[in-house]
Amino acid sequence: MTADDQTIRLYDEKAEDYVNLTADGMTRDPRLKAFIVAMPPGGHALDLGCGPGTSSGLMADAGLRVMALDASAEMIALAGKHAGVTARQATFDDITGDNLYDGIWASFSLLHAPRANLPRHLDALHRALKPGGPFVIAVKTGSGEHRDDLGRFYTYYEEDEMTGLLRAHGFTPGEITRGIDPGLSGKREPWFSVMAHG
């Protein structure tokens, strides 16, 4: 993640709560199932902003090789407990390299980066993704940047803004999934997810 100390500290403190929030939902998430299907057998996946590694573990269970990255040390400690998952503490600024991953899963992680930083993060991710690989990004719907009730920094996007950014940085946007769900704060907020390709 782009390092925002207040956001990272909150995730460190609430790591176990986040496990309880995400565990059941991810096993039924059609977005994650579609991502896994879009990957080559045994492919190398990046779970960017992996949290406690729930998605990473499911990817590994499906036979993928998973690199799980998060800025929270407590989240990485939990993610590393999943068999077949390599977990490493890192920020969005640590994404480097070319053609490393067959697919990148960035579900509700890049929304913690300031809007001004997203273009360079997308560039780095596009370079790290193998040509044609799936890239899933999920964000909360809206405009502006502000902290939520728990103090986490968020950047909100509208669908046309996000798909435009993806195109501008080399991705081909595809299916959009929408929902309204309570997050860690308990507040129900609209969100959308884009399945793009590099």
N, C-alpha and C. Protein backbone atom coordinates (compact mmCIF):
# COMPACT_ATOMS: atom_id res chain seq x y z
N MET A 1 0.83 -1.19 0.00
CA MET A 1 0.00 0.00 0.00
C MET A 1 0.88 1.25 0.00
N THR A 2 0.35 2.33 -0.53
CA THR A 2 1.01 3.60 -0.30
C THR A 2 0.92 3.86 1.18
N ALA A 3 2.04 4.16 1.82
CA ALA A 3 2.08 4.16 3.28
C ALA A 3 1.31 5.34 3.88
N ASP A 4 0.19 5.05 4.50
CA ASP A 4 -0.53 6.01 5.32
C ASP A 4 -0.54 5.40 6.72
N ASP A 5 0.24 5.98 7.61
CA ASP A 5 0.47 5.36 8.91
C ASP A 5 -0.81 5.11 9.68
N GLN A 6 -1.75 6.03 9.61
CA GLN A 6 -3.00 5.89 10.36
C GLN A 6 -3.82 4.70 9.83
N THR A 7 -3.87 4.56 8.52
CA THR A 7 -4.60 3.44 7.92
C THR A 7 -3.94 2.12 8.27
N ILE A 8 -2.63 2.05 8.14
CA ILE A 8 -1.89 0.82 8.44
C ILE A 8 -2.06 0.43 9.90
N ARG A 9 -1.98 1.41 10.79
CA ARG A 9 -2.13 1.14 12.23
C ARG A 9 -3.50 0.55 12.53
N LEU A 10 -4.53 1.07 11.88
CA LEU A 10 -5.88 0.56 12.09
C LEU A 10 -5.98 -0.90 11.64
N TYR A 11 -5.39 -1.22 10.49
CA TYR A 11 -5.43 -2.60 10.03
C TYR A 11 -4.62 -3.53 10.93
N ASP A 12 -3.53 -3.04 11.48
CA ASP A 12 -2.78 -3.84 12.45
C ASP A 12 -3.66 -4.16 13.66
N GLU A 13 -4.39 -3.16 14.13
CA GLU A 13 -5.21 -3.33 15.33
C GLU A 13 -6.43 -4.21 15.07
N LYS A 14 -6.96 -4.17 13.86
CA LYS A 14 -8.22 -4.85 13.55
C LYS A 14 -8.04 -6.10 12.69
N ALA A 15 -6.83 -6.62 12.63
CA ALA A 15 -6.55 -7.75 11.73
C ALA A 15 -7.48 -8.93 11.98
N GLU A 16 -7.66 -9.31 13.23
CA GLU A 16 -8.52 -10.47 13.54
C GLU A 16 -9.98 -10.18 13.18
N ASP A 17 -10.43 -8.94 13.41
CA ASP A 17 -11.79 -8.57 13.03
C ASP A 17 -11.98 -8.69 11.52
N TYR A 18 -10.94 -8.36 10.77
CA TYR A 18 -11.03 -8.41 9.31
C TYR A 18 -11.13 -9.86 8.83
N VAL A 19 -10.47 -10.76 9.54
CA VAL A 19 -10.60 -12.18 9.21
C VAL A 19 -12.07 -12.59 9.30
N ASN A 20 -12.71 -12.24 10.38
CA ASN A 20 -14.12 -12.61 10.59
C ASN A 20 -15.03 -11.96 9.55
N LEU A 21 -14.67 -10.76 9.11
CA LEU A 21 -15.49 -10.05 8.13
C LEU A 21 -15.41 -10.69 6.75
N THR A 22 -14.23 -11.18 6.37
CA THR A 22 -14.01 -11.62 4.99
C THR A 22 -14.08 -13.13 4.76
N ALA A 23 -13.92 -13.91 5.80
CA ALA A 23 -13.74 -15.35 5.61
C ALA A 23 -14.86 -16.02 4.82
N ASP A 24 -16.10 -15.83 5.24
CA ASP A 24 -17.20 -16.51 4.57
C ASP A 24 -17.48 -15.94 3.19
N GLY A 25 -17.46 -14.62 3.08
CA GLY A 25 -17.81 -13.98 1.82
C GLY A 25 -16.90 -14.33 0.66
N MET A 26 -15.60 -14.44 0.91
CA MET A 26 -14.66 -14.70 -0.17
C MET A 26 -14.84 -16.09 -0.77
N THR A 27 -15.25 -17.05 0.04
CA THR A 27 -15.42 -18.40 -0.50
C THR A 27 -16.56 -18.44 -1.51
N ARG A 28 -17.47 -17.48 -1.45
CA ARG A 28 -18.60 -17.44 -2.38
C ARG A 28 -18.46 -16.33 -3.42
N ASP A 29 -17.38 -15.60 -3.42
CA ASP A 29 -17.23 -14.43 -4.27
C ASP A 29 -17.07 -14.84 -5.75
N PRO A 30 -18.06 -14.52 -6.59
CA PRO A 30 -17.94 -14.89 -8.01
C PRO A 30 -16.79 -14.16 -8.71
N ARG A 31 -16.40 -13.00 -8.20
CA ARG A 31 -15.28 -12.27 -8.80
C ARG A 31 -13.98 -13.05 -8.64
N LEU A 32 -13.78 -13.61 -7.45
CA LEU A 32 -12.56 -14.38 -7.20
C LEU A 32 -12.57 -15.67 -8.03
N LYS A 33 -13.73 -16.30 -8.13
CA LYS A 33 -13.82 -17.51 -8.94
C LYS A 33 -13.50 -17.21 -10.40
N ALA A 34 -14.01 -16.09 -10.92
CA ALA A 34 -13.73 -15.71 -12.31
C ALA A 34 -12.25 -15.40 -12.51
N PHE A 35 -11.62 -14.77 -11.52
CA PHE A 35 -10.19 -14.48 -11.59
C PHE A 35 -9.39 -15.78 -11.66
N ILE A 36 -9.72 -16.73 -10.81
CA ILE A 36 -9.00 -18.01 -10.79
C ILE A 36 -9.17 -18.74 -12.12
N VAL A 37 -10.37 -18.72 -12.67
CA VAL A 37 -10.64 -19.38 -13.95
C VAL A 37 -9.83 -18.73 -15.07
N ALA A 38 -9.64 -17.41 -14.99
CA ALA A 38 -8.92 -16.67 -16.03
C ALA A 38 -7.41 -16.90 -15.98
N MET A 39 -6.94 -17.51 -14.90
CA MET A 39 -5.51 -17.76 -14.73
C MET A 39 -5.09 -19.08 -15.38
N PRO A 40 -3.86 -19.16 -15.87
CA PRO A 40 -3.38 -20.46 -16.36
C PRO A 40 -3.15 -21.41 -15.17
N PRO A 41 -3.29 -22.71 -15.39
CA PRO A 41 -3.06 -23.67 -14.30
C PRO A 41 -1.67 -23.47 -13.69
N GLY A 42 -1.63 -23.38 -12.37
CA GLY A 42 -0.37 -23.18 -11.68
C GLY A 42 0.23 -21.80 -11.86
N GLY A 43 -0.58 -20.85 -12.34
CA GLY A 43 -0.09 -19.50 -12.62
C GLY A 43 0.34 -18.76 -11.36
N HIS A 44 1.11 -17.70 -11.59
CA HIS A 44 1.64 -16.88 -10.50
C HIS A 44 0.74 -15.67 -10.30
N ALA A 45 0.09 -15.58 -9.15
CA ALA A 45 -0.84 -14.50 -8.84
C ALA A 45 -0.25 -13.55 -7.81
N LEU A 46 -0.54 -12.28 -7.98
CA LEU A 46 -0.23 -11.27 -6.96
C LEU A 46 -1.53 -10.86 -6.30
N ASP A 47 -1.60 -11.00 -4.97
CA ASP A 47 -2.72 -10.50 -4.19
C ASP A 47 -2.22 -9.22 -3.52
N LEU A 48 -2.60 -8.09 -4.10
CA LEU A 48 -2.09 -6.78 -3.68
C LEU A 48 -2.99 -6.17 -2.61
N GLY A 49 -2.45 -5.93 -1.43
CA GLY A 49 -3.27 -5.51 -0.31
C GLY A 49 -4.08 -6.70 0.17
N CYS A 50 -3.35 -7.78 0.50
CA CYS A 50 -3.97 -9.09 0.72
C CYS A 50 -4.77 -9.20 2.00
N GLY A 51 -4.60 -8.24 2.93
CA GLY A 51 -5.27 -8.38 4.21
C GLY A 51 -4.83 -9.66 4.89
N PRO A 52 -5.75 -10.39 5.53
CA PRO A 52 -5.37 -11.61 6.25
C PRO A 52 -5.12 -12.81 5.34
N GLY A 53 -5.19 -12.59 4.03
CA GLY A 53 -4.85 -13.66 3.10
C GLY A 53 -5.97 -14.61 2.76
N THR A 54 -7.20 -14.22 3.02
CA THR A 54 -8.33 -15.11 2.71
C THR A 54 -8.38 -15.43 1.22
N SER A 55 -8.30 -14.40 0.38
CA SER A 55 -8.30 -14.62 -1.06
C SER A 55 -7.06 -15.38 -1.50
N SER A 56 -5.91 -15.02 -0.94
CA SER A 56 -4.66 -15.70 -1.28
C SER A 56 -4.76 -17.20 -1.02
N GLY A 57 -5.33 -17.56 0.14
CA GLY A 57 -5.46 -18.96 0.48
C GLY A 57 -6.34 -19.71 -0.49
N LEU A 58 -7.43 -19.08 -0.93
CA LEU A 58 -8.32 -19.72 -1.89
C LEU A 58 -7.65 -19.87 -3.25
N MET A 59 -6.85 -18.88 -3.63
CA MET A 59 -6.09 -19.00 -4.88
C MET A 59 -5.11 -20.16 -4.80
N ALA A 60 -4.41 -20.25 -3.68
CA ALA A 60 -3.43 -21.33 -3.50
C ALA A 60 -4.13 -22.69 -3.49
N ASP A 61 -5.30 -22.76 -2.86
CA ASP A 61 -6.07 -24.01 -2.84
C ASP A 61 -6.45 -24.45 -4.24
N ALA A 62 -6.60 -23.45 -5.16
CA ALA A 62 -6.95 -23.75 -6.55
C ALA A 62 -5.73 -24.08 -7.40
N GLY A 63 -4.55 -24.13 -6.77
CA GLY A 63 -3.35 -24.53 -7.48
C GLY A 63 -2.49 -23.39 -7.99
N LEU A 64 -2.83 -22.15 -7.64
CA LEU A 64 -2.02 -21.01 -8.08
C LEU A 64 -0.84 -20.80 -7.12
N ARG A 65 0.22 -20.22 -7.65
CA ARG A 65 1.35 -19.78 -6.82
C ARG A 65 1.07 -18.32 -6.46
N VAL A 66 1.03 -17.99 -5.18
CA VAL A 66 0.53 -16.69 -4.74
C VAL A 66 1.59 -15.89 -4.00
N MET A 67 1.80 -14.66 -4.46
CA MET A 67 2.57 -13.66 -3.72
C MET A 67 1.56 -12.71 -3.09
N ALA A 68 1.53 -12.63 -1.77
CA ALA A 68 0.58 -11.79 -1.05
C ALA A 68 1.34 -10.62 -0.43
N LEU A 69 0.94 -9.40 -0.78
CA LEU A 69 1.59 -8.20 -0.27
C LEU A 69 0.61 -7.34 0.51
N ASP A 70 1.07 -6.77 1.61
CA ASP A 70 0.26 -5.84 2.39
C ASP A 70 1.20 -4.97 3.21
N ALA A 71 0.78 -3.75 3.50
CA ALA A 71 1.60 -2.84 4.31
C ALA A 71 1.47 -3.12 5.80
N SER A 72 0.46 -3.87 6.20
CA SER A 72 0.21 -4.17 7.61
C SER A 72 0.98 -5.43 8.04
N ALA A 73 1.83 -5.30 9.03
CA ALA A 73 2.59 -6.45 9.52
C ALA A 73 1.67 -7.52 10.10
N GLU A 74 0.61 -7.10 10.78
CA GLU A 74 -0.32 -8.07 11.38
C GLU A 74 -1.07 -8.84 10.30
N MET A 75 -1.46 -8.16 9.23
CA MET A 75 -2.15 -8.84 8.13
C MET A 75 -1.21 -9.84 7.47
N ILE A 76 0.03 -9.45 7.26
CA ILE A 76 0.99 -10.35 6.62
C ILE A 76 1.25 -11.58 7.49
N ALA A 77 1.28 -11.40 8.80
CA ALA A 77 1.46 -12.54 9.70
C ALA A 77 0.33 -13.55 9.52
N LEU A 78 -0.89 -13.05 9.34
CA LEU A 78 -2.02 -13.94 9.12
C LEU A 78 -1.99 -14.56 7.73
N ALA A 79 -1.68 -13.74 6.72
CA ALA A 79 -1.66 -14.24 5.34
C ALA A 79 -0.62 -15.35 5.18
N GLY A 80 0.49 -15.21 5.87
CA GLY A 80 1.56 -16.20 5.76
C GLY A 80 1.22 -17.55 6.34
N LYS A 81 0.13 -17.66 7.06
CA LYS A 81 -0.29 -18.94 7.64
C LYS A 81 -1.00 -19.83 6.62
N HIS A 82 -1.39 -19.27 5.48
CA HIS A 82 -2.08 -20.05 4.45
C HIS A 82 -1.07 -20.86 3.65
N ALA A 83 -1.32 -22.15 3.53
CA ALA A 83 -0.43 -23.02 2.78
C ALA A 83 -0.33 -22.57 1.33
N GLY A 84 0.88 -22.55 0.81
CA GLY A 84 1.08 -22.19 -0.59
C GLY A 84 1.13 -20.71 -0.87
N VAL A 85 1.10 -19.88 0.17
CA VAL A 85 1.11 -18.42 0.02
C VAL A 85 2.44 -17.86 0.52
N THR A 86 3.10 -17.06 -0.32
CA THR A 86 4.28 -16.32 0.10
C THR A 86 3.82 -14.92 0.46
N ALA A 87 3.96 -14.54 1.72
CA ALA A 87 3.45 -13.25 2.20
C ALA A 87 4.62 -12.33 2.54
N ARG A 88 4.51 -11.08 2.09
CA ARG A 88 5.59 -10.11 2.31
C ARG A 88 5.00 -8.73 2.60
N GLN A 89 5.55 -8.06 3.59
CA GLN A 89 5.11 -6.70 3.90
C GLN A 89 5.69 -5.75 2.86
N ALA A 90 4.83 -4.97 2.22
CA ALA A 90 5.25 -4.06 1.16
C ALA A 90 4.18 -3.02 0.92
N THR A 91 4.57 -1.91 0.33
CA THR A 91 3.63 -0.86 -0.07
C THR A 91 3.45 -0.91 -1.58
N PHE A 92 2.48 -0.14 -2.07
CA PHE A 92 2.28 -0.05 -3.51
C PHE A 92 3.56 0.43 -4.21
N ASP A 93 4.33 1.27 -3.54
CA ASP A 93 5.55 1.80 -4.14
C ASP A 93 6.63 0.73 -4.31
N ASP A 94 6.45 -0.43 -3.70
CA ASP A 94 7.43 -1.50 -3.82
C ASP A 94 7.18 -2.40 -5.02
N ILE A 95 6.14 -2.14 -5.80
CA ILE A 95 5.84 -2.96 -6.98
C ILE A 95 6.85 -2.61 -8.08
N THR A 96 7.67 -3.58 -8.44
CA THR A 96 8.68 -3.39 -9.49
C THR A 96 8.75 -4.66 -10.34
N GLY A 97 9.44 -4.57 -11.45
CA GLY A 97 9.67 -5.74 -12.29
C GLY A 97 8.73 -5.80 -13.47
N ASP A 98 9.11 -6.64 -14.44
CA ASP A 98 8.36 -6.79 -15.69
C ASP A 98 7.91 -8.24 -15.87
N ASN A 99 6.67 -8.39 -16.31
CA ASN A 99 6.13 -9.71 -16.68
C ASN A 99 6.32 -10.76 -15.59
N LEU A 100 6.01 -10.39 -14.36
CA LEU A 100 6.20 -11.29 -13.22
C LEU A 100 4.99 -12.17 -12.93
N TYR A 101 3.80 -11.61 -13.14
CA TYR A 101 2.58 -12.27 -12.66
C TYR A 101 1.64 -12.60 -13.81
N ASP A 102 0.99 -13.77 -13.70
CA ASP A 102 -0.03 -14.15 -14.68
C ASP A 102 -1.35 -13.44 -14.40
N GLY A 103 -1.53 -12.94 -13.19
CA GLY A 103 -2.73 -12.21 -12.83
C GLY A 103 -2.52 -11.42 -11.55
N ILE A 104 -3.24 -10.30 -11.42
CA ILE A 104 -3.13 -9.45 -10.23
C ILE A 104 -4.52 -9.18 -9.67
N TRP A 105 -4.67 -9.45 -8.39
CA TRP A 105 -5.92 -9.25 -7.66
C TRP A 105 -5.71 -8.08 -6.70
N ALA A 106 -6.42 -6.97 -6.93
CA ALA A 106 -6.29 -5.77 -6.09
C ALA A 106 -7.68 -5.35 -5.62
N SER A 107 -8.24 -6.17 -4.74
CA SER A 107 -9.61 -5.97 -4.29
C SER A 107 -9.64 -5.11 -3.02
N PHE A 108 -10.15 -3.90 -3.15
CA PHE A 108 -10.28 -2.96 -2.04
C PHE A 108 -8.94 -2.65 -1.38
N SER A 109 -7.93 -2.46 -2.20
CA SER A 109 -6.61 -2.09 -1.68
C SER A 109 -6.15 -0.76 -2.26
N LEU A 110 -6.19 -0.63 -3.59
CA LEU A 110 -5.70 0.60 -4.22
C LEU A 110 -6.54 1.82 -3.87
N LEU A 111 -7.72 1.62 -3.29
CA LEU A 111 -8.54 2.77 -2.86
C LEU A 111 -7.93 3.48 -1.67
N HIS A 112 -6.88 2.88 -1.07
CA HIS A 112 -6.18 3.56 0.02
C HIS A 112 -5.04 4.45 -0.48
N ALA A 113 -4.78 4.45 -1.78
CA ALA A 113 -3.76 5.31 -2.36
C ALA A 113 -4.37 6.66 -2.74
N PRO A 114 -3.65 7.75 -2.55
CA PRO A 114 -4.15 9.04 -3.03
C PRO A 114 -4.42 9.00 -4.53
N ARG A 115 -5.44 9.69 -4.98
CA ARG A 115 -5.80 9.71 -6.40
C ARG A 115 -4.60 10.10 -7.28
N ALA A 116 -3.80 11.05 -6.81
CA ALA A 116 -2.67 11.52 -7.61
C ALA A 116 -1.63 10.42 -7.83
N ASN A 117 -1.60 9.41 -6.95
CA ASN A 117 -0.60 8.34 -7.06
C ASN A 117 -1.07 7.15 -7.89
N LEU A 118 -2.38 7.04 -8.12
CA LEU A 118 -2.88 5.85 -8.79
C LEU A 118 -2.29 5.65 -10.18
N PRO A 119 -2.12 6.69 -11.00
CA PRO A 119 -1.54 6.45 -12.33
C PRO A 119 -0.19 5.74 -12.30
N ARG A 120 0.71 6.14 -11.41
CA ARG A 120 2.01 5.46 -11.40
C ARG A 120 1.91 4.06 -10.82
N HIS A 121 0.96 3.83 -9.90
CA HIS A 121 0.76 2.47 -9.42
C HIS A 121 0.22 1.57 -10.53
N LEU A 122 -0.71 2.10 -11.32
CA LEU A 122 -1.25 1.32 -12.44
C LEU A 122 -0.16 1.02 -13.46
N ASP A 123 0.71 1.99 -13.73
CA ASP A 123 1.83 1.75 -14.65
C ASP A 123 2.71 0.61 -14.15
N ALA A 124 3.05 0.64 -12.85
CA ALA A 124 3.91 -0.39 -12.28
C ALA A 124 3.24 -1.77 -12.34
N LEU A 125 1.94 -1.80 -12.07
CA LEU A 125 1.21 -3.07 -12.11
C LEU A 125 1.10 -3.60 -13.53
N HIS A 126 0.91 -2.69 -14.49
CA HIS A 126 0.82 -3.13 -15.89
C HIS A 126 2.15 -3.74 -16.34
N ARG A 127 3.24 -3.14 -15.91
CA ARG A 127 4.56 -3.71 -16.25
C ARG A 127 4.76 -5.07 -15.59
N ALA A 128 4.29 -5.20 -14.35
CA ALA A 128 4.49 -6.45 -13.61
C ALA A 128 3.59 -7.59 -14.10
N LEU A 129 2.50 -7.24 -14.80
CA LEU A 129 1.53 -8.23 -15.28
C LEU A 129 1.95 -8.74 -16.66
N LYS A 130 1.88 -10.04 -16.84
CA LYS A 130 2.17 -10.61 -18.15
C LYS A 130 1.09 -10.19 -19.15
N PRO A 131 1.45 -10.02 -20.42
CA PRO A 131 0.48 -9.55 -21.43
C PRO A 131 -0.80 -10.40 -21.44
N GLY A 132 -1.92 -9.71 -21.40
CA GLY A 132 -3.21 -10.37 -21.45
C GLY A 132 -3.71 -10.92 -20.13
N GLY A 133 -2.90 -10.83 -19.08
CA GLY A 133 -3.30 -11.40 -17.80
C GLY A 133 -4.45 -10.63 -17.15
N PRO A 134 -5.25 -11.29 -16.30
CA PRO A 134 -6.36 -10.62 -15.63
C PRO A 134 -5.88 -9.70 -14.51
N PHE A 135 -6.55 -8.56 -14.42
CA PHE A 135 -6.29 -7.60 -13.35
C PHE A 135 -7.64 -7.19 -12.78
N VAL A 136 -7.87 -7.49 -11.51
CA VAL A 136 -9.13 -7.13 -10.84
C VAL A 136 -8.85 -6.01 -9.86
N ILE A 137 -9.60 -4.93 -9.99
CA ILE A 137 -9.51 -3.81 -9.06
C ILE A 137 -10.91 -3.50 -8.54
N ALA A 138 -11.04 -3.37 -7.22
CA ALA A 138 -12.32 -3.03 -6.59
C ALA A 138 -12.12 -1.80 -5.73
N VAL A 139 -13.06 -0.86 -5.83
CA VAL A 139 -13.01 0.40 -5.08
C VAL A 139 -14.41 0.76 -4.62
N LYS A 140 -14.49 1.74 -3.74
CA LYS A 140 -15.79 2.25 -3.31
C LYS A 140 -16.25 3.34 -4.27
N THR A 141 -17.54 3.39 -4.50
CA THR A 141 -18.12 4.32 -5.48
C THR A 141 -18.31 5.70 -4.87
N GLY A 142 -17.93 6.73 -5.61
CA GLY A 142 -18.13 8.09 -5.15
C GLY A 142 -17.08 9.02 -5.70
N SER A 143 -16.86 10.12 -5.02
CA SER A 143 -15.87 11.10 -5.46
C SER A 143 -15.12 11.64 -4.25
N GLY A 144 -13.95 12.17 -4.52
CA GLY A 144 -13.18 12.80 -3.46
C GLY A 144 -12.33 11.82 -2.67
N GLU A 145 -11.67 12.35 -1.66
CA GLU A 145 -10.81 11.58 -0.77
C GLU A 145 -11.12 12.01 0.66
N HIS A 146 -11.25 11.06 1.55
CA HIS A 146 -11.44 11.41 2.96
C HIS A 146 -11.24 10.19 3.84
N ARG A 147 -11.20 10.40 5.13
CA ARG A 147 -11.07 9.30 6.08
C ARG A 147 -12.45 8.83 6.52
N ASP A 148 -12.55 7.53 6.73
CA ASP A 148 -13.82 6.98 7.19
C ASP A 148 -13.94 7.11 8.70
N ASP A 149 -14.99 6.53 9.26
CA ASP A 149 -15.25 6.65 10.70
C ASP A 149 -14.15 6.03 11.55
N LEU A 150 -13.38 5.10 10.98
CA LEU A 150 -12.30 4.45 11.70
C LEU A 150 -10.96 5.16 11.51
N GLY A 151 -10.95 6.17 10.62
CA GLY A 151 -9.72 6.92 10.38
C GLY A 151 -8.92 6.46 9.18
N ARG A 152 -9.44 5.49 8.42
CA ARG A 152 -8.73 5.02 7.23
C ARG A 152 -8.87 6.00 6.08
N PHE A 153 -7.79 6.19 5.33
CA PHE A 153 -7.82 7.07 4.16
C PHE A 153 -8.42 6.32 2.97
N TYR A 154 -9.37 6.96 2.29
CA TYR A 154 -10.01 6.38 1.12
C TYR A 154 -10.05 7.37 -0.03
N THR A 155 -9.88 6.85 -1.24
CA THR A 155 -10.16 7.59 -2.47
C THR A 155 -11.33 6.90 -3.14
N TYR A 156 -12.32 7.67 -3.52
CA TYR A 156 -13.54 7.14 -4.14
C TYR A 156 -13.52 7.42 -5.64
N TYR A 157 -14.12 6.50 -6.42
CA TYR A 157 -14.11 6.62 -7.88
C TYR A 157 -15.50 6.34 -8.44
N GLU A 158 -15.79 6.98 -9.57
CA GLU A 158 -16.94 6.61 -10.38
C GLU A 158 -16.46 5.63 -11.45
N GLU A 159 -17.38 4.86 -11.99
CA GLU A 159 -16.99 3.81 -12.92
C GLU A 159 -16.29 4.35 -14.16
N ASP A 160 -16.82 5.45 -14.74
CA ASP A 160 -16.20 5.95 -15.96
C ASP A 160 -14.80 6.50 -15.71
N GLU A 161 -14.58 7.07 -14.53
CA GLU A 161 -13.24 7.54 -14.20
C GLU A 161 -12.27 6.37 -14.12
N MET A 162 -12.68 5.31 -13.45
CA MET A 162 -11.79 4.17 -13.28
C MET A 162 -11.51 3.47 -14.61
N THR A 163 -12.53 3.24 -15.41
CA THR A 163 -12.28 2.57 -16.68
C THR A 163 -11.41 3.43 -17.59
N GLY A 164 -11.57 4.75 -17.51
CA GLY A 164 -10.71 5.64 -18.27
C GLY A 164 -9.26 5.56 -17.82
N LEU A 165 -9.05 5.50 -16.51
CA LEU A 165 -7.69 5.35 -15.98
C LEU A 165 -7.07 4.03 -16.41
N LEU A 166 -7.85 2.98 -16.36
CA LEU A 166 -7.33 1.68 -16.76
C LEU A 166 -6.89 1.69 -18.22
N ARG A 167 -7.74 2.25 -19.09
CA ARG A 167 -7.38 2.32 -20.51
C ARG A 167 -6.12 3.16 -20.72
N ALA A 168 -6.04 4.29 -19.99
CA ALA A 168 -4.90 5.20 -20.16
C ALA A 168 -3.59 4.57 -19.74
N HIS A 169 -3.67 3.51 -18.93
CA HIS A 169 -2.44 2.89 -18.42
C HIS A 169 -2.27 1.46 -18.92
N GLY A 170 -2.86 1.19 -20.07
CA GLY A 170 -2.56 -0.04 -20.80
C GLY A 170 -3.48 -1.21 -20.57
N PHE A 171 -4.50 -1.07 -19.73
CA PHE A 171 -5.42 -2.17 -19.45
C PHE A 171 -6.65 -2.09 -20.36
N THR A 172 -7.27 -3.23 -20.56
CA THR A 172 -8.54 -3.29 -21.28
C THR A 172 -9.63 -3.66 -20.28
N PRO A 173 -10.47 -2.68 -19.90
CA PRO A 173 -11.52 -2.97 -18.91
C PRO A 173 -12.56 -3.94 -19.47
N GLY A 174 -13.04 -4.81 -18.62
CA GLY A 174 -14.07 -5.76 -19.00
C GLY A 174 -15.26 -5.68 -18.07
N GLU A 175 -15.69 -6.83 -17.56
CA GLU A 175 -16.90 -6.91 -16.75
C GLU A 175 -16.80 -6.08 -15.47
N ILE A 176 -17.89 -5.37 -15.17
CA ILE A 176 -18.00 -4.59 -13.94
C ILE A 176 -19.02 -5.25 -13.02
N THR A 177 -18.63 -5.46 -11.78
CA THR A 177 -19.52 -6.00 -10.75
C THR A 177 -19.79 -4.90 -9.74
N ARG A 178 -21.04 -4.80 -9.28
CA ARG A 178 -21.43 -3.75 -8.33
C ARG A 178 -22.06 -4.37 -7.09
N GLY A 179 -21.95 -3.65 -5.97
CA GLY A 179 -22.57 -4.12 -4.76
C GLY A 179 -22.68 -3.02 -3.72
N ILE A 180 -23.37 -3.32 -2.64
CA ILE A 180 -23.45 -2.44 -1.47
C ILE A 180 -23.30 -3.34 -0.25
N ASP A 181 -22.23 -3.12 0.50
CA ASP A 181 -21.95 -4.00 1.62
C ASP A 181 -21.37 -3.21 2.78
N PRO A 182 -21.52 -3.75 4.00
CA PRO A 182 -20.86 -3.13 5.15
C PRO A 182 -19.40 -3.57 5.20
N GLY A 183 -18.52 -2.66 5.44
CA GLY A 183 -17.12 -3.01 5.59
C GLY A 183 -16.77 -3.13 7.06
N LEU A 184 -15.50 -2.94 7.35
CA LEU A 184 -15.00 -3.06 8.72
C LEU A 184 -15.65 -2.05 9.65
N SER A 185 -16.03 -0.89 9.11
CA SER A 185 -16.66 0.14 9.94
C SER A 185 -18.13 -0.16 10.22
N GLY A 186 -18.70 -1.12 9.48
CA GLY A 186 -20.12 -1.44 9.64
C GLY A 186 -21.04 -0.60 8.78
N LYS A 187 -20.50 0.41 8.11
CA LYS A 187 -21.31 1.29 7.26
C LYS A 187 -21.48 0.67 5.88
N ARG A 188 -22.72 0.60 5.40
CA ARG A 188 -22.99 0.06 4.07
C ARG A 188 -22.65 1.13 3.02
N GLU A 189 -21.78 0.75 2.09
CA GLU A 189 -21.37 1.68 1.04
C GLU A 189 -21.35 0.98 -0.31
N PRO A 190 -21.68 1.71 -1.38
CA PRO A 190 -21.63 1.11 -2.72
C PRO A 190 -20.18 0.95 -3.19
N TRP A 191 -19.96 -0.08 -3.99
CA TRP A 191 -18.65 -0.36 -4.54
C TRP A 191 -18.80 -0.94 -5.94
N PHE A 192 -17.70 -0.95 -6.67
CA PHE A 192 -17.68 -1.66 -7.95
C PHE A 192 -16.30 -2.27 -8.15
N SER A 193 -16.29 -3.30 -8.99
CA SER A 193 -15.07 -4.02 -9.29
C SER A 193 -14.97 -4.18 -10.80
N VAL A 194 -13.78 -4.00 -11.34
CA VAL A 194 -13.56 -4.15 -12.78
C VAL A 194 -12.61 -5.32 -13.01
N MET A 195 -13.02 -6.23 -13.90
CA MET A 195 -12.12 -7.27 -14.38
C MET A 195 -11.50 -6.75 -15.68
N ALA A 196 -10.24 -6.41 -15.63
CA ALA A 196 -9.52 -5.89 -16.78
C ALA A 196 -8.47 -6.91 -17.21
N HIS A 197 -7.82 -6.63 -18.34
CA HIS A 197 -6.71 -7.45 -18.79
C HIS A 197 -5.57 -6.56 -19.23
N GLY A 198 -4.34 -7.06 -19.04
CA GLY A 198 -3.17 -6.30 -19.39
C GLY A 198 -2.92 -6.28 -20.89
